[in-house]
Each structure stands twice: as C-alpha cells, then as structure tokens.
N, C-alpha and C. Protein backbone atom coordinates (compact mmCIF):
# COMPACT_ATOMS: atom_id res chain seq x y z
N UNK A 1 -19.76 -29.56 -1.64
CA UNK A 1 -18.89 -28.83 -2.54
C UNK A 1 -18.70 -27.41 -2.01
N UNK A 2 -17.54 -26.89 -2.17
CA UNK A 2 -17.20 -25.57 -1.67
C UNK A 2 -17.83 -24.48 -2.55
N UNK A 3 -18.43 -23.49 -1.88
CA UNK A 3 -19.06 -22.39 -2.59
C UNK A 3 -17.98 -21.38 -2.98
N UNK A 4 -17.99 -20.96 -4.26
CA UNK A 4 -16.99 -20.01 -4.77
C UNK A 4 -17.68 -18.76 -5.27
N UNK A 5 -16.96 -17.66 -5.21
CA UNK A 5 -17.46 -16.37 -5.67
C UNK A 5 -16.98 -16.13 -7.09
N UNK A 6 -17.93 -16.02 -8.02
CA UNK A 6 -17.64 -15.78 -9.43
C UNK A 6 -18.50 -14.63 -9.93
N UNK A 7 -18.06 -13.99 -11.01
CA UNK A 7 -18.92 -13.05 -11.71
C UNK A 7 -19.96 -13.87 -12.48
N UNK A 8 -21.18 -13.39 -12.49
CA UNK A 8 -22.26 -14.11 -13.15
C UNK A 8 -22.19 -13.94 -14.67
N UNK A 9 -22.51 -15.01 -15.37
CA UNK A 9 -22.62 -14.92 -16.82
C UNK A 9 -24.08 -14.87 -17.25
N UNK A 10 -24.99 -15.24 -16.35
CA UNK A 10 -26.42 -15.26 -16.67
C UNK A 10 -27.13 -14.00 -16.20
N UNK A 11 -26.81 -13.54 -14.99
CA UNK A 11 -27.50 -12.41 -14.38
C UNK A 11 -26.55 -11.22 -14.33
N UNK A 12 -26.32 -10.61 -15.49
CA UNK A 12 -25.39 -9.49 -15.51
C UNK A 12 -25.97 -8.32 -16.30
N UNK A 13 -25.61 -7.13 -15.87
CA UNK A 13 -25.99 -5.91 -16.57
C UNK A 13 -24.75 -5.24 -17.15
N UNK A 14 -23.67 -5.22 -16.37
CA UNK A 14 -22.44 -4.60 -16.84
C UNK A 14 -21.33 -5.64 -16.88
N UNK A 15 -20.87 -6.08 -15.73
CA UNK A 15 -19.77 -7.04 -15.69
C UNK A 15 -20.13 -8.33 -14.97
N UNK A 16 -21.30 -8.40 -14.34
CA UNK A 16 -21.71 -9.60 -13.64
C UNK A 16 -21.30 -9.64 -12.18
N UNK A 17 -20.74 -8.54 -11.67
CA UNK A 17 -20.28 -8.51 -10.28
C UNK A 17 -21.47 -8.61 -9.33
N UNK A 18 -22.47 -7.78 -9.50
CA UNK A 18 -23.63 -7.79 -8.61
C UNK A 18 -24.40 -9.10 -8.71
N UNK A 19 -24.53 -9.62 -9.92
CA UNK A 19 -25.19 -10.91 -10.10
C UNK A 19 -24.44 -12.03 -9.42
N UNK A 20 -23.11 -12.00 -9.49
CA UNK A 20 -22.29 -13.00 -8.83
C UNK A 20 -22.38 -12.92 -7.32
N UNK A 21 -22.38 -11.71 -6.79
CA UNK A 21 -22.54 -11.54 -5.34
C UNK A 21 -23.91 -12.03 -4.88
N UNK A 22 -24.94 -11.75 -5.67
CA UNK A 22 -26.29 -12.21 -5.33
C UNK A 22 -26.37 -13.73 -5.34
N UNK A 23 -25.76 -14.37 -6.31
CA UNK A 23 -25.74 -15.84 -6.34
C UNK A 23 -24.99 -16.40 -5.14
N UNK A 24 -23.89 -15.79 -4.78
CA UNK A 24 -23.07 -16.26 -3.67
C UNK A 24 -23.82 -16.16 -2.34
N UNK A 25 -24.49 -15.02 -2.11
CA UNK A 25 -25.19 -14.81 -0.85
C UNK A 25 -26.62 -15.31 -0.86
N UNK A 26 -27.13 -15.71 -2.02
CA UNK A 26 -28.48 -16.25 -2.11
C UNK A 26 -29.57 -15.21 -1.95
N UNK A 27 -29.33 -14.01 -2.46
CA UNK A 27 -30.33 -12.94 -2.40
C UNK A 27 -30.65 -12.47 -3.82
N UNK A 28 -31.66 -11.63 -3.92
CA UNK A 28 -32.04 -11.08 -5.21
C UNK A 28 -30.97 -10.11 -5.69
N UNK A 29 -30.63 -10.18 -6.96
CA UNK A 29 -29.58 -9.32 -7.50
C UNK A 29 -29.96 -7.85 -7.49
N UNK A 30 -31.26 -7.56 -7.49
CA UNK A 30 -31.70 -6.17 -7.43
C UNK A 30 -31.27 -5.51 -6.12
N UNK A 31 -31.31 -6.25 -5.03
CA UNK A 31 -30.88 -5.71 -3.73
C UNK A 31 -29.40 -5.35 -3.76
N UNK A 32 -28.59 -6.19 -4.36
CA UNK A 32 -27.16 -5.93 -4.46
C UNK A 32 -26.92 -4.72 -5.36
N UNK A 33 -27.65 -4.63 -6.46
CA UNK A 33 -27.48 -3.50 -7.37
C UNK A 33 -27.89 -2.17 -6.72
N UNK A 34 -28.97 -2.18 -5.95
CA UNK A 34 -29.40 -0.98 -5.24
C UNK A 34 -28.34 -0.56 -4.22
N UNK A 35 -27.80 -1.53 -3.49
CA UNK A 35 -26.75 -1.23 -2.52
C UNK A 35 -25.52 -0.66 -3.21
N UNK A 36 -25.16 -1.20 -4.36
CA UNK A 36 -24.00 -0.70 -5.10
C UNK A 36 -24.23 0.74 -5.57
N UNK A 37 -25.42 1.02 -6.07
CA UNK A 37 -25.73 2.38 -6.52
C UNK A 37 -25.70 3.35 -5.34
N UNK A 38 -26.22 2.94 -4.20
CA UNK A 38 -26.19 3.80 -3.01
C UNK A 38 -24.76 4.07 -2.56
N UNK A 39 -23.91 3.05 -2.59
CA UNK A 39 -22.50 3.25 -2.22
C UNK A 39 -21.78 4.16 -3.20
N UNK A 40 -22.10 4.02 -4.46
CA UNK A 40 -21.48 4.88 -5.47
C UNK A 40 -21.94 6.33 -5.28
N UNK A 41 -23.24 6.52 -5.02
CA UNK A 41 -23.78 7.86 -4.86
C UNK A 41 -23.34 8.51 -3.54
N UNK A 42 -23.14 7.70 -2.52
CA UNK A 42 -22.82 8.24 -1.20
C UNK A 42 -21.45 8.90 -1.16
N UNK A 43 -20.43 8.18 -1.55
CA UNK A 43 -19.10 8.76 -1.46
C UNK A 43 -18.14 8.29 -2.54
N UNK A 44 -18.62 7.51 -3.46
CA UNK A 44 -17.79 7.07 -4.56
C UNK A 44 -16.98 5.83 -4.28
N UNK A 45 -16.95 5.37 -3.02
CA UNK A 45 -16.16 4.18 -2.68
C UNK A 45 -16.76 2.94 -3.35
N UNK A 46 -18.05 2.97 -3.62
CA UNK A 46 -18.69 1.85 -4.29
C UNK A 46 -18.16 1.64 -5.70
N UNK A 47 -17.84 2.71 -6.39
CA UNK A 47 -17.29 2.61 -7.74
C UNK A 47 -15.92 1.95 -7.71
N UNK A 48 -15.11 2.34 -6.76
CA UNK A 48 -13.78 1.73 -6.62
C UNK A 48 -13.91 0.25 -6.27
N UNK A 49 -14.83 -0.06 -5.35
CA UNK A 49 -15.05 -1.46 -4.96
C UNK A 49 -15.56 -2.29 -6.14
N UNK A 50 -16.47 -1.71 -6.93
CA UNK A 50 -17.01 -2.43 -8.08
C UNK A 50 -15.91 -2.70 -9.11
N UNK A 51 -15.10 -1.70 -9.39
CA UNK A 51 -14.02 -1.88 -10.36
C UNK A 51 -12.99 -2.91 -9.88
N UNK A 52 -12.67 -2.88 -8.60
CA UNK A 52 -11.75 -3.89 -8.06
C UNK A 52 -12.34 -5.29 -8.15
N UNK A 53 -13.64 -5.41 -7.83
CA UNK A 53 -14.30 -6.71 -7.92
C UNK A 53 -14.32 -7.20 -9.36
N UNK A 54 -14.53 -6.29 -10.30
CA UNK A 54 -14.55 -6.63 -11.72
C UNK A 54 -13.20 -7.22 -12.14
N UNK A 55 -12.13 -6.65 -11.63
CA UNK A 55 -10.78 -7.11 -11.97
C UNK A 55 -10.44 -8.41 -11.25
N UNK A 56 -10.81 -8.52 -9.97
CA UNK A 56 -10.38 -9.64 -9.14
C UNK A 56 -11.24 -10.90 -9.32
N UNK A 57 -12.56 -10.72 -9.42
CA UNK A 57 -13.47 -11.88 -9.48
C UNK A 57 -13.37 -12.58 -10.84
N UNK A 58 -13.15 -13.90 -10.82
CA UNK A 58 -13.13 -14.62 -12.10
C UNK A 58 -14.56 -14.85 -12.63
N UNK A 59 -14.66 -15.06 -13.92
CA UNK A 59 -15.94 -15.36 -14.55
C UNK A 59 -16.29 -16.80 -14.21
N UNK A 60 -17.57 -17.05 -13.99
CA UNK A 60 -18.04 -18.39 -13.67
C UNK A 60 -17.76 -19.32 -14.83
N UNK A 61 -16.89 -20.32 -14.65
CA UNK A 61 -16.52 -21.20 -15.76
C UNK A 61 -17.66 -22.13 -16.20
N UNK A 62 -18.58 -22.44 -15.28
CA UNK A 62 -19.67 -23.35 -15.62
C UNK A 62 -20.87 -22.66 -16.20
N UNK A 63 -20.93 -21.36 -16.11
CA UNK A 63 -22.05 -20.61 -16.65
C UNK A 63 -23.17 -20.46 -15.63
N UNK A 64 -23.57 -21.55 -14.98
CA UNK A 64 -24.63 -21.49 -13.97
C UNK A 64 -24.11 -22.11 -12.70
N UNK A 65 -24.70 -21.64 -11.58
CA UNK A 65 -24.31 -22.18 -10.28
C UNK A 65 -25.33 -23.18 -9.84
C-alpha cells in the first residue's frame, strides 16, 4: 500500500503537522517538533512552512496509520 502524508489525529499538539510528519518518516514526533521550533526561532521560515503544511496536508481519514 502506498504511504501517504496526513496530519495526525492521534499525536497532535496544535494542528497535527509534526505528528503526521513523524508518522510518515517513522521517527519520534518530539524530534520533528524540536526541529520545527529551531526553524521558527532561527529565521521564521519554519512558521511559514508550518502554516503552509497546516493548510495543504489533509487530516488522516482513518485516524491511525
């Protein structure tokens, strides 16, 4: 079955973007969240990327992967 990128409905703090990326890449969601915070703090591009991902990524229709 083809792997798809969805926002997480189970592992979410704000919109489920970091949780969805963690599920897709098979890593701990804390690592993705730390990377997102570092990108946001570094130059603000992380905030723009997060907001775009929030808009573009669909919610996981099945709830769990």
